[in-house]
N, C-alpha and C. Protein backbone atom coordinates (compact mmCIF):
# COMPACT_ATOMS: atom_id res chain seq x y z
N UNK A 1 1.34 -9.36 15.45
CA UNK A 1 0.83 -8.13 15.96
C UNK A 1 0.96 -7.09 14.87
N UNK A 2 -0.03 -6.27 14.74
CA UNK A 2 0.02 -5.22 13.74
C UNK A 2 -0.27 -3.86 14.36
N UNK A 3 0.40 -2.84 13.89
CA UNK A 3 0.12 -1.47 14.28
C UNK A 3 -0.66 -0.86 13.14
N UNK A 4 -1.90 -0.50 13.41
CA UNK A 4 -2.78 -0.01 12.36
C UNK A 4 -2.72 1.50 12.22
N UNK A 5 -2.89 1.96 10.99
CA UNK A 5 -3.07 3.38 10.71
C UNK A 5 -4.41 3.77 11.34
N UNK A 6 -4.48 4.86 12.10
CA UNK A 6 -5.70 5.17 12.84
C UNK A 6 -6.93 5.46 11.99
N UNK A 7 -6.76 5.94 10.79
CA UNK A 7 -7.94 6.26 9.99
C UNK A 7 -8.16 5.34 8.79
N UNK A 8 -7.11 4.69 8.29
CA UNK A 8 -7.24 3.86 7.11
C UNK A 8 -7.41 2.37 7.42
N UNK A 9 -7.25 1.98 8.67
CA UNK A 9 -7.42 0.60 9.12
C UNK A 9 -6.59 -0.40 8.31
N UNK A 10 -5.33 -0.04 8.06
CA UNK A 10 -4.40 -0.97 7.44
C UNK A 10 -3.14 -0.99 8.31
N UNK A 11 -2.43 -2.10 8.31
CA UNK A 11 -1.23 -2.22 9.12
C UNK A 11 -0.09 -1.42 8.51
N UNK A 12 0.55 -0.61 9.36
CA UNK A 12 1.71 0.15 8.92
C UNK A 12 3.00 -0.44 9.51
N UNK A 13 2.87 -1.29 10.53
CA UNK A 13 4.00 -2.03 11.09
C UNK A 13 3.50 -3.42 11.48
N UNK A 14 4.38 -4.41 11.33
CA UNK A 14 4.05 -5.78 11.70
C UNK A 14 5.18 -6.30 12.58
N UNK A 15 4.80 -6.99 13.66
CA UNK A 15 5.80 -7.50 14.56
C UNK A 15 5.34 -8.73 15.31
N UNK A 16 6.22 -9.23 16.19
CA UNK A 16 5.89 -10.40 17.00
C UNK A 16 6.09 -10.05 18.47
N UNK A 17 5.29 -10.67 19.33
CA UNK A 17 5.42 -10.48 20.77
C UNK A 17 6.61 -11.32 21.22
N UNK A 18 7.62 -10.65 21.81
CA UNK A 18 8.84 -11.35 22.23
C UNK A 18 8.91 -11.51 23.74
N UNK A 19 8.08 -10.79 24.47
CA UNK A 19 8.04 -10.90 25.93
C UNK A 19 6.64 -10.57 26.40
N UNK A 20 6.17 -11.34 27.38
CA UNK A 20 4.85 -11.10 27.95
C UNK A 20 4.98 -11.24 29.46
N UNK A 21 4.74 -10.15 30.19
CA UNK A 21 4.84 -10.17 31.64
C UNK A 21 3.54 -9.77 32.29
N UNK A 22 3.57 -9.58 33.60
CA UNK A 22 2.34 -9.25 34.33
C UNK A 22 1.87 -7.83 34.07
N UNK A 23 2.78 -6.92 33.70
CA UNK A 23 2.39 -5.53 33.49
C UNK A 23 2.26 -5.11 32.05
N UNK A 24 2.77 -5.94 31.12
CA UNK A 24 2.71 -5.57 29.72
C UNK A 24 3.43 -6.56 28.84
N UNK A 25 3.70 -6.16 27.62
CA UNK A 25 4.36 -7.04 26.66
C UNK A 25 5.24 -6.21 25.73
N UNK A 26 6.23 -6.87 25.12
CA UNK A 26 7.13 -6.23 24.17
C UNK A 26 6.87 -6.78 22.78
N UNK A 27 6.87 -5.88 21.81
CA UNK A 27 6.71 -6.26 20.41
C UNK A 27 7.99 -5.89 19.67
N UNK A 28 8.56 -6.86 18.97
CA UNK A 28 9.70 -6.63 18.09
C UNK A 28 9.14 -6.41 16.69
N UNK A 29 9.26 -5.18 16.20
CA UNK A 29 8.73 -4.86 14.88
C UNK A 29 9.63 -5.46 13.81
N UNK A 30 9.02 -6.15 12.85
CA UNK A 30 9.77 -6.87 11.82
C UNK A 30 9.69 -6.19 10.45
N UNK A 31 8.59 -5.49 10.17
CA UNK A 31 8.45 -4.82 8.88
C UNK A 31 7.58 -3.59 9.05
N UNK A 32 7.67 -2.68 8.09
CA UNK A 32 6.87 -1.45 8.13
C UNK A 32 6.50 -1.05 6.71
N UNK A 33 5.47 -0.23 6.62
CA UNK A 33 4.99 0.27 5.34
C UNK A 33 5.95 1.38 4.88
N UNK A 34 6.74 1.09 3.88
CA UNK A 34 7.78 2.02 3.44
C UNK A 34 7.20 3.29 2.82
N UNK A 35 6.05 3.21 2.23
CA UNK A 35 5.42 4.40 1.65
C UNK A 35 4.91 5.31 2.76
N UNK A 36 4.26 4.75 3.78
CA UNK A 36 3.73 5.55 4.89
C UNK A 36 4.85 6.28 5.63
N UNK A 37 5.95 5.59 5.90
CA UNK A 37 7.06 6.19 6.65
C UNK A 37 8.06 6.92 5.75
N UNK A 38 7.76 7.05 4.46
CA UNK A 38 8.57 7.81 3.50
C UNK A 38 10.03 7.40 3.56
N UNK A 39 10.29 6.13 3.32
CA UNK A 39 11.66 5.62 3.38
C UNK A 39 12.54 6.30 2.33
N UNK A 40 13.70 6.73 2.78
CA UNK A 40 14.68 7.34 1.88
C UNK A 40 15.58 6.24 1.32
N UNK A 41 16.25 6.53 0.25
CA UNK A 41 17.08 5.54 -0.43
C UNK A 41 18.52 5.50 0.08
N UNK A 42 18.98 6.55 0.75
CA UNK A 42 20.37 6.62 1.19
C UNK A 42 20.64 5.58 2.28
N UNK A 43 21.87 5.12 2.38
CA UNK A 43 22.27 4.08 3.33
C UNK A 43 22.04 4.52 4.77
N UNK A 44 22.30 5.78 5.10
CA UNK A 44 22.14 6.25 6.47
C UNK A 44 20.68 6.16 6.92
N UNK A 45 19.74 6.42 6.03
CA UNK A 45 18.33 6.32 6.37
C UNK A 45 17.91 4.87 6.58
N UNK A 46 18.51 3.97 5.81
CA UNK A 46 18.21 2.55 5.98
C UNK A 46 18.60 2.09 7.39
N UNK A 47 19.74 2.51 7.87
CA UNK A 47 20.19 2.14 9.23
C UNK A 47 19.33 2.81 10.30
N UNK A 48 18.94 4.07 10.09
CA UNK A 48 18.07 4.74 11.06
C UNK A 48 16.69 4.09 11.12
N UNK A 49 16.17 3.68 9.98
CA UNK A 49 14.88 2.99 9.96
C UNK A 49 14.95 1.68 10.72
N UNK A 50 16.03 0.93 10.55
CA UNK A 50 16.19 -0.32 11.29
C UNK A 50 16.26 -0.05 12.79
N UNK A 51 16.96 1.01 13.17
CA UNK A 51 17.15 1.33 14.59
C UNK A 51 15.85 1.79 15.24
N UNK A 52 15.10 2.65 14.57
CA UNK A 52 13.93 3.25 15.19
C UNK A 52 12.61 2.60 14.80
N UNK A 53 12.42 2.30 13.54
CA UNK A 53 11.15 1.72 13.11
C UNK A 53 11.07 0.23 13.40
N UNK A 54 12.19 -0.47 13.37
CA UNK A 54 12.20 -1.91 13.61
C UNK A 54 12.77 -2.23 14.98
N UNK A 55 12.47 -1.39 15.96
CA UNK A 55 12.96 -1.59 17.32
C UNK A 55 11.99 -2.49 18.09
N UNK A 56 12.27 -2.67 19.37
CA UNK A 56 11.37 -3.38 20.28
C UNK A 56 10.63 -2.33 21.10
N UNK A 57 9.32 -2.46 21.20
CA UNK A 57 8.49 -1.48 21.87
C UNK A 57 7.68 -2.15 22.97
N UNK A 58 7.58 -1.48 24.13
CA UNK A 58 6.84 -2.02 25.28
C UNK A 58 5.45 -1.40 25.35
N UNK A 59 4.45 -2.24 25.60
CA UNK A 59 3.08 -1.78 25.77
C UNK A 59 2.57 -2.27 27.12
N UNK A 60 1.92 -1.39 27.88
CA UNK A 60 1.34 -1.75 29.16
C UNK A 60 -0.08 -2.24 28.95
N UNK A 61 -0.48 -3.27 29.72
CA UNK A 61 -1.83 -3.81 29.59
C UNK A 61 -2.89 -2.78 29.97
N UNK A 62 -2.61 -1.97 30.98
CA UNK A 62 -3.62 -1.02 31.46
C UNK A 62 -3.83 0.16 30.53
N UNK A 63 -2.90 0.40 29.65
CA UNK A 63 -3.04 1.49 28.68
C UNK A 63 -3.81 0.98 27.48
N UNK A 64 -4.93 1.60 27.21
CA UNK A 64 -5.73 1.18 26.04
C UNK A 64 -5.04 1.67 24.78
N UNK A 65 -4.54 0.76 23.99
CA UNK A 65 -3.85 1.09 22.75
C UNK A 65 -4.66 0.51 21.60
N UNK A 66 -5.56 1.31 21.07
CA UNK A 66 -6.53 0.81 20.11
C UNK A 66 -5.99 0.55 18.72
N UNK A 67 -4.77 0.98 18.43
CA UNK A 67 -4.23 0.79 17.08
C UNK A 67 -3.49 -0.52 16.91
N UNK A 68 -3.42 -1.36 17.97
CA UNK A 68 -2.80 -2.67 17.85
C UNK A 68 -3.84 -3.70 17.42
N UNK A 69 -3.43 -4.63 16.59
CA UNK A 69 -4.33 -5.69 16.18
C UNK A 69 -3.59 -7.03 16.18
N UNK A 70 -4.32 -8.08 16.47
CA UNK A 70 -3.75 -9.41 16.44
C UNK A 70 -3.88 -9.95 15.03
N UNK A 71 -2.77 -10.30 14.41
CA UNK A 71 -2.77 -10.77 13.03
C UNK A 71 -2.95 -12.30 13.00
N UNK A 72 -2.22 -13.00 13.87
CA UNK A 72 -2.30 -14.46 13.90
C UNK A 72 -2.23 -14.92 15.36
N UNK A 73 -3.18 -15.67 15.79
CA UNK A 73 -3.28 -16.07 17.21
C UNK A 73 -2.46 -17.31 17.55
N UNK A 74 -1.69 -17.86 16.64
CA UNK A 74 -0.95 -19.08 16.96
C UNK A 74 0.34 -18.81 17.67
């Protein structure tokens, strides 16, 4: 699963679907574009990025989320 930049059509986050239910699905983000998110070099920022940018996010099926893309269907 990829989260695309809305105007540049490139992935800024990449993740995998870890749960799929009747109302939606969860994506565990595995990597992100460090330039887009302006990653800082200090250790505290590295931990915050892991906590917030590489978290698990829930998406509802009924909500049209046009910035998600399927990277690999296997």
